[in-house]
C-alpha atoms as a PDB file:
ATOM      1  CA  MET A   1     208.139 219.073-214.032  1.00  0.00           C
ATOM      2  CA  SER A   2     207.355 215.760-215.696  1.00  0.00           C
ATOM      3  CA  GLU A   3     204.753 215.811-218.477  1.00  0.00           C
ATOM      4  CA  PHE A   4     201.998 213.233-218.851  1.00  0.00           C
ATOM      5  CA  SER A   5     199.533 212.803-221.697  1.00  0.00           C
ATOM      6  CA  ASP A   6     195.790 212.491-221.290  1.00  0.00           C
ATOM      7  CA  GLU A   7     195.925 209.219-223.229  1.00  0.00           C
ATOM      8  CA  TRP A   8     198.551 207.719-220.904  1.00  0.00           C
ATOM      9  CA  LEU A   9     196.635 208.726-217.791  1.00  0.00           C
ATOM     10  CA  ALA A  10     193.423 207.220-219.177  1.00  0.00           C
ATOM     11  CA  LEU A  11     195.234 204.003-220.082  1.00  0.00           C
ATOM     12  CA  ARG A  12     196.684 203.486-216.612  1.00  0.00           C
ATOM     13  CA  GLU A  13     193.639 204.583-214.572  1.00  0.00           C
ATOM     14  CA  PRO A  14     191.878 201.174-214.318  1.00  0.00           C
ATOM     15  CA  ALA A  15     195.093 199.492-213.157  1.00  0.00           C
ATOM     16  CA  ASP A  16     195.785 202.326-210.734  1.00  0.00           C
ATOM     17  CA  HIS A  17     192.336 201.960-209.194  1.00  0.00           C
ATOM     18  CA  ARG A  18     192.923 198.238-208.642  1.00  0.00           C
ATOM     19  CA  ALA A  19     196.293 198.970-207.027  1.00  0.00           C
ATOM     20  CA  ARG A  20     194.948 201.382-204.419  1.00  0.00           C
ATOM     21  CA  ALA A  21     194.992 200.504-200.729  1.00  0.00           C
ATOM     22  CA  ALA A  22     191.300 201.137-200.059  1.00  0.00           C
ATOM     23  CA  ARG A  23     191.725 200.129-196.409  1.00  0.00           C
ATOM     24  CA  LEU A  24     193.564 203.396-195.747  1.00  0.00           C
ATOM     25  CA  VAL A  25     190.658 205.636-196.691  1.00  0.00           C
ATOM     26  CA  PRO A  26     188.493 204.985-193.590  1.00  0.00           C
ATOM     27  CA  ARG A  27     191.391 206.152-191.433  1.00  0.00           C
ATOM     28  CA  LEU A  28     191.006 209.612-192.941  1.00  0.00           C
ATOM     29  CA  VAL A  29     187.722 210.119-191.124  1.00  0.00           C
ATOM     30  CA  ASP A  30     188.422 208.159-187.942  1.00  0.00           C
ATOM     31  CA  GLY A  31     188.318 210.043-184.675  1.00  0.00           C
ATOM     32  CA  GLY A  32     185.331 212.242-185.390  1.00  0.00           C
ATOM     33  CA  SER A  33     183.271 213.577-188.240  1.00  0.00           C
ATOM     34  CA  ALA A  34     184.912 215.781-190.807  1.00  0.00           C
ATOM     35  CA  LYS A  35     183.793 219.345-191.331  1.00  0.00           C
ATOM     36  CA  CYS A  36     181.016 219.863-193.843  1.00  0.00           C
ATOM     37  CA  PRO A  37     181.592 220.625-196.615  1.00  0.00           C
ATOM     38  CA  TRP A  38     184.915 218.824-196.463  1.00  0.00           C
ATOM     39  CA  PRO A  39     187.654 220.614-198.417  1.00  0.00           C
ATOM     40  CA  VAL A  40     189.968 218.390-200.443  1.00  0.00           C
ATOM     41  CA  LEU A  41     193.155 219.621-202.122  1.00  0.00           C
ATOM     42  CA  ASP A  42     194.386 217.284-204.869  1.00  0.00           C
ATOM     43  CA  LEU A  43     197.996 217.952-205.856  1.00  0.00           C
ATOM     44  CA  GLY A  44     199.038 217.039-209.382  1.00  0.00           C
ATOM     45  CA  ALA A  45     195.438 216.159-210.169  1.00  0.00           C
ATOM     46  CA  GLY A  46     195.811 215.609-213.905  1.00  0.00           C
ATOM     47  CA  THR A  47     192.391 214.773-215.346  1.00  0.00           C
ATOM     48  CA  GLY A  48     190.859 213.905-211.973  1.00  0.00           C
ATOM     49  CA  ALA A  49     191.588 210.201-211.463  1.00  0.00           C
ATOM     50  CA  ASN A  50     192.171 210.709-207.747  1.00  0.00           C
ATOM     51  CA  LEU A  51     188.793 212.401-207.380  1.00  0.00           C
ATOM     52  CA  ARG A  52     187.086 209.599-209.270  1.00  0.00           C
ATOM     53  CA  ALA A  53     188.631 207.028-206.959  1.00  0.00           C
ATOM     54  CA  LEU A  54     188.200 208.811-203.637  1.00  0.00           C
ATOM     55  CA  ALA A  55     184.969 210.813-203.849  1.00  0.00           C
ATOM     56  CA  PRO A  56     182.663 207.747-203.750  1.00  0.00           C
ATOM     57  CA  GLN A  57     184.701 206.163-200.932  1.00  0.00           C
ATOM     58  CA  LEU A  58     184.549 209.334-198.866  1.00  0.00           C
ATOM     59  CA  GLY A  59     180.844 209.609-199.580  1.00  0.00           C
ATOM     60  CA  GLY A  60     180.337 206.063-198.324  1.00  0.00           C
ATOM     61  CA  LEU A  61     182.110 207.022-195.104  1.00  0.00           C
ATOM     62  CA  GLY A  62     179.700 209.870-194.441  1.00  0.00           C
ATOM     63  CA  ILE A  63     181.495 212.760-196.170  1.00  0.00           C
ATOM     64  CA  ARG A  64     178.365 213.771-198.004  1.00  0.00           C
ATOM     65  CA  GLU A  65     179.535 217.155-199.232  1.00  0.00           C
ATOM     66  CA  GLN A  66     183.019 217.515-200.691  1.00  0.00           C
ATOM     67  CA  HIS A  67     184.713 220.568-202.176  1.00  0.00           C
ATOM     68  CA  TRP A  68     187.673 219.555-204.322  1.00  0.00           C
ATOM     69  CA  THR A  69     190.396 221.891-205.570  1.00  0.00           C
ATOM     70  CA  CYS A  70     192.324 220.020-208.242  1.00  0.00           C
ATOM     71  CA  ILE A  71     195.747 221.501-208.930  1.00  0.00           C
ATOM     72  CA  ASP A  72     197.919 220.794-211.934  1.00  0.00           C
ATOM     73  CA  HIS A  73     200.495 222.808-213.838  1.00  0.00           C
ATOM     74  CA  ASP A  74     199.413 221.420-217.236  1.00  0.00           C
ATOM     75  CA  PRO A  75     196.457 223.387-218.646  1.00  0.00           C
ATOM     76  CA  ARG A  76     195.719 220.642-221.170  1.00  0.00           C
ATOM     77  CA  LEU A  77     195.054 218.105-218.435  1.00  0.00           C
ATOM     78  CA  ALA A  78     193.102 220.557-216.295  1.00  0.00           C
ATOM     79  CA  ALA A  79     190.901 221.361-219.283  1.00  0.00           C
ATOM     80  CA  ARG A  80     190.085 217.661-219.682  1.00  0.00           C
ATOM     81  CA  LEU A  81     189.133 217.126-216.035  1.00  0.00           C
ATOM     82  CA  PRO A  82     185.489 218.342-216.240  1.00  0.00           C
ATOM     83  CA  LEU A  83     184.728 216.171-219.267  1.00  0.00           C
ATOM     84  CA  ARG A  84     186.440 213.120-217.818  1.00  0.00           C
ATOM     85  CA  CYS A  85     184.598 213.518-214.530  1.00  0.00           C
ATOM     86  CA  ALA A  86     181.248 214.216-216.174  1.00  0.00           C
ATOM     87  CA  THR A  87     181.564 211.099-218.341  1.00  0.00           C
ATOM     88  CA  TRP A  88     182.511 209.063-215.277  1.00  0.00           C
ATOM     89  CA  ALA A  89     179.616 210.493-213.255  1.00  0.00           C
ATOM     90  CA  ALA A  90     177.128 209.530-215.943  1.00  0.00           C
ATOM     91  CA  GLY A  91     178.639 206.040-216.007  1.00  0.00           C
ATOM     92  CA  ILE A  92     178.032 205.491-212.287  1.00  0.00           C
ATOM     93  CA  GLY A  93     174.521 206.904-212.401  1.00  0.00           C
ATOM     94  CA  ALA A  94     175.355 210.243-210.781  1.00  0.00           C
ATOM     95  CA  GLY A  95     174.104 213.613-211.946  1.00  0.00           C
ATOM     96  CA  TRP A  96     176.434 216.391-212.958  1.00  0.00           C
ATOM     97  CA  GLU A  97     176.292 220.012-213.991  1.00  0.00           C
ATOM     98  CA  VAL A  98     178.718 222.776-214.836  1.00  0.00           C
ATOM     99  CA  ALA A  99     178.740 225.412-212.111  1.00  0.00           C
ATOM    100  CA  GLY A 100     180.797 228.539-212.700  1.00  0.00           C
ATOM    101  CA  GLN A 101     184.376 227.482-213.344  1.00  0.00           C
ATOM    102  CA  GLY A 102     183.806 224.006-211.934  1.00  0.00           C
ATOM    103  CA  LEU A 103     181.673 220.915-211.937  1.00  0.00           C
ATOM    104  CA  VAL A 104     179.133 219.558-209.452  1.00  0.00           C
ATOM    105  CA  ILE A 105     178.638 215.791-209.251  1.00  0.00           C
ATOM    106  CA  SER A 106     175.576 214.575-207.350  1.00  0.00           C
ATOM    107  CA  ALA A 107     175.291 210.944-206.284  1.00  0.00           C
ATOM    108  CA  PRO A 108     172.586 209.494-203.997  1.00  0.00           C
ATOM    109  CA  ARG A 109     174.796 209.606-200.868  1.00  0.00           C
ATOM    110  CA  TRP A 110     177.236 212.395-201.630  1.00  0.00           C
ATOM    111  CA  GLN A 111     177.881 215.522-203.633  1.00  0.00           C
ATOM    112  CA  CYS A 112     181.205 216.728-204.973  1.00  0.00           C
ATOM    113  CA  ARG A 113     181.998 220.237-206.171  1.00  0.00           C
ATOM    114  CA  ALA A 114     185.257 220.347-208.126  1.00  0.00           C
ATOM    115  CA  ARG A 115     187.311 223.203-209.525  1.00  0.00           C
ATOM    116  CA  THR A 116     190.686 223.250-211.230  1.00  0.00           C
ATOM    117  CA  LEU A 117     193.590 225.524-210.422  1.00  0.00           C
ATOM    118  CA  GLY A 118     196.737 225.939-212.496  1.00  0.00           C
ATOM    119  CA  VAL A 119     199.801 226.055-210.245  1.00  0.00           C
ATOM    120  CA  ASP A 120     203.397 224.947-210.707  1.00  0.00           C
ATOM    121  CA  LEU A 121     203.829 222.951-207.519  1.00  0.00           C
ATOM    122  CA  ALA A 122     207.594 222.929-207.882  1.00  0.00           C
ATOM    123  CA  SER A 123     208.023 226.691-207.711  1.00  0.00           C
ATOM    124  CA  ASP A 124     204.771 227.978-206.213  1.00  0.00           C
ATOM    125  CA  LEU A 125     203.851 225.485-203.497  1.00  0.00           C
ATOM    126  CA  GLU A 126     203.862 228.195-200.831  1.00  0.00           C
ATOM    127  CA  HIS A 127     201.174 230.064-202.777  1.00  0.00           C
ATOM    128  CA  VAL A 128     198.778 227.126-202.492  1.00  0.00           C
ATOM    129  CA  ALA A 129     196.269 227.552-199.663  1.00  0.00           C
ATOM    130  CA  LEU A 130     195.976 224.342-197.648  1.00  0.00           C
ATOM    131  CA  PRO A 131     192.474 223.452-196.375  1.00  0.00           C
ATOM    132  CA  PRO A 132     192.349 223.766-192.561  1.00  0.00           C
ATOM    133  CA  GLY A 133     191.053 220.493-191.150  1.00  0.00           C
ATOM    134  CA  GLY A 134     190.607 219.104-194.645  1.00  0.00           C
ATOM    135  CA  LEU A 135     192.344 216.553-196.826  1.00  0.00           C
ATOM    136  CA  VAL A 136     195.513 217.016-198.866  1.00  0.00           C
ATOM    137  CA  THR A 137     195.933 214.183-201.321  1.00  0.00           C
ATOM    138  CA  ALA A 138     197.903 213.172-204.385  1.00  0.00           C
ATOM    139  CA  ALA A 139     198.205 210.074-206.548  1.00  0.00           C
ATOM    140  CA  ALA A 140     201.429 208.911-208.200  1.00  0.00           C
ATOM    141  CA  LEU A 141     203.225 212.060-207.021  1.00  0.00           C
ATOM    142  CA  LEU A 142     205.056 211.363-203.770  1.00  0.00           C
ATOM    143  CA  ASP A 143     207.882 209.350-205.349  1.00  0.00           C
ATOM    144  CA  LEU A 144     208.476 212.106-207.926  1.00  0.00           C
ATOM    145  CA  VAL A 145     209.169 214.914-205.445  1.00  0.00           C
ATOM    146  CA  SER A 146     212.352 215.713-203.552  1.00  0.00           C
ATOM    147  CA  ALA A 147     213.037 215.632-199.830  1.00  0.00           C
ATOM    148  CA  ALA A 148     213.338 219.426-199.891  1.00  0.00           C
ATOM    149  CA  TRP A 149     209.901 219.763-201.525  1.00  0.00           C
ATOM    150  CA  LEU A 150     208.335 217.437-198.984  1.00  0.00           C
ATOM    151  CA  GLU A 151     209.839 219.509-196.179  1.00  0.00           C
ATOM    152  CA  ARG A 152     208.097 222.549-197.667  1.00  0.00           C
ATOM    153  CA  LEU A 153     204.706 220.814-197.573  1.00  0.00           C
ATOM    154  CA  LEU A 154     204.539 218.712-194.417  1.00  0.00           C
ATOM    155  CA  PRO A 155     205.016 221.399-191.737  1.00  0.00           C
ATOM    156  CA  ARG A 156     202.351 223.570-193.366  1.00  0.00           C
ATOM    157  CA  ALA A 157     199.947 220.636-193.581  1.00  0.00           C
ATOM    158  CA  ALA A 158     200.526 219.793-189.924  1.00  0.00           C
ATOM    159  CA  ALA A 159     199.987 223.410-188.872  1.00  0.00           C
ATOM    160  CA  ALA A 160     196.704 223.496-190.812  1.00  0.00           C
ATOM    161  CA  GLY A 161     195.503 220.230-189.241  1.00  0.00           C
ATOM    162  CA  CYS A 162     195.247 218.540-192.631  1.00  0.00           C
ATOM    163  CA  ARG A 163     194.864 214.832-193.160  1.00  0.00           C
ATOM    164  CA  LEU A 164     197.242 213.471-195.810  1.00  0.00           C
ATOM    165  CA  LEU A 165     196.786 210.674-198.326  1.00  0.00           C
ATOM    166  CA  PHE A 166     199.469 209.926-200.923  1.00  0.00           C
ATOM    167  CA  ALA A 167     198.341 207.044-203.110  1.00  0.00           C
ATOM    168  CA  LEU A 168     200.171 204.952-205.719  1.00  0.00           C
ATOM    169  CA  SER A 169     203.714 205.611-204.515  1.00  0.00           C
ATOM    170  CA  TYR A 170     206.583 203.370-205.602  1.00  0.00           C
ATOM    171  CA  ASP A 171     208.382 202.006-202.537  1.00  0.00           C
ATOM    172  CA  GLY A 172     211.077 199.875-204.137  1.00  0.00           C
ATOM    173  CA  ARG A 173     209.366 196.502-203.718  1.00  0.00           C
ATOM    174  CA  VAL A 174     209.612 194.591-206.999  1.00  0.00           C
ATOM    175  CA  ALA A 175     208.644 191.035-207.899  1.00  0.00           C
ATOM    176  CA  LEU A 176     209.636 189.669-211.309  1.00  0.00           C
ATOM    177  CA  THR A 177     208.539 186.293-212.646  1.00  0.00           C
ATOM    178  CA  PRO A 178     209.995 184.204-214.070  1.00  0.00           C
ATOM    179  CA  ALA A 179     213.362 184.976-212.526  1.00  0.00           C
ATOM    180  CA  HIS A 180     216.173 186.156-214.799  1.00  0.00           C
ATOM    181  CA  PRO A 181     219.891 186.676-214.120  1.00  0.00           C
ATOM    182  CA  GLN A 182     219.545 190.355-215.056  1.00  0.00           C
ATOM    183  CA  ASP A 183     216.693 191.070-212.624  1.00  0.00           C
ATOM    184  CA  ALA A 184     218.879 192.838-210.072  1.00  0.00           C
ATOM    185  CA  ALA A 185     220.518 194.994-212.728  1.00  0.00           C
ATOM    186  CA  LEU A 186     217.119 195.921-214.143  1.00  0.00           C
ATOM    187  CA  ILE A 187     215.792 196.901-210.713  1.00  0.00           C
ATOM    188  CA  ASP A 188     218.890 199.032-210.103  1.00  0.00           C
ATOM    189  CA  LEU A 189     218.247 200.863-213.376  1.00  0.00           C
ATOM    190  CA  VAL A 190     214.598 201.448-212.440  1.00  0.00           C
ATOM    191  CA  ASN A 191     215.581 202.852-209.061  1.00  0.00           C
ATOM    192  CA  CYS A 192     218.231 205.055-210.635  1.00  0.00           C
ATOM    193  CA  HIS A 193     215.598 206.483-212.957  1.00  0.00           C
ATOM    194  CA  GLN A 194     213.149 206.901-210.082  1.00  0.00           C
ATOM    195  CA  ARG A 195     215.673 209.039-208.223  1.00  0.00           C
ATOM    196  CA  GLY A 196     216.211 211.384-211.170  1.00  0.00           C
ATOM    197  CA  ASP A 197     214.972 214.967-211.160  1.00  0.00           C
ATOM    198  CA  LYS A 198     211.294 215.076-212.170  1.00  0.00           C
ATOM    199  CA  GLY A 199     211.082 218.836-211.802  1.00  0.00           C
ATOM    200  CA  PHE A 200     211.134 219.032-208.007  1.00  0.00           C
ATOM    201  CA  GLY A 201     214.823 218.289-207.464  1.00  0.00           C
ATOM    202  CA  PRO A 202     216.312 214.808-206.937  1.00  0.00           C
ATOM    203  CA  ALA A 203     213.275 212.535-206.604  1.00  0.00           C
ATOM    204  CA  LEU A 204     212.725 210.433-203.508  1.00  0.00           C
ATOM    205  CA  GLY A 205     211.798 207.419-205.625  1.00  0.00           C
ATOM    206  CA  PRO A 206     211.700 204.210-203.577  1.00  0.00           C
ATOM    207  CA  THR A 207     212.437 206.054-200.316  1.00  0.00           C
ATOM    208  CA  ALA A 208     209.451 208.406-200.617  1.00  0.00           C
ATOM    209  CA  ALA A 209     207.064 206.659-198.218  1.00  0.00           C
ATOM    210  CA  ASP A 210     209.698 206.247-195.531  1.00  0.00           C
ATOM    211  CA  GLN A 211     210.765 209.875-195.908  1.00  0.00           C
ATOM    212  CA  ALA A 212     207.174 211.114-195.569  1.00  0.00           C
ATOM    213  CA  ALA A 213     206.714 209.046-192.408  1.00  0.00           C
ATOM    214  CA  ILE A 214     209.697 210.574-190.591  1.00  0.00           C
END
């Protein structure tokens, strides 16, 4: 499985937040109120950037109590998640406290209880309990996995009645300015790299979103 450093994840987080399609989040709770507390399973959570982006949005949509399980195979990143989230919580004026093996973040309109879980999603996906009626989410993961891996996840998520949100997925659309004669060759090289094995088998790369929608 691909390795990422804490420093790299911290560096890209502000840009990632700006790149998110916030308009998709309200659709997660359309059609009725979510169960309370709402269970959220974050796959490939790293240091918790997905939680930091989504928890306030969900809270603003009426999901006042959220229970997050943040899964990552890298113990170094999982160990950094509580500190990163506590620092972020203090920065937005929310309270926080360590509770057991996790962290509780309390904002005026919502509360989030988060715990980390070390799992290799490539080999042990079937051992991960999906939250019935809850949310399964991931950021910057979908284009790294293989079609075979996705076929292991989606039927289970459908059977459990889970909502799905995969954010920050590369879909092959590229705009380069100013134009250069080597642009097409460069894009071909990027796509070739995107389709390489990232630990899950041949990666879906730019076809990931279309494959997930089938």
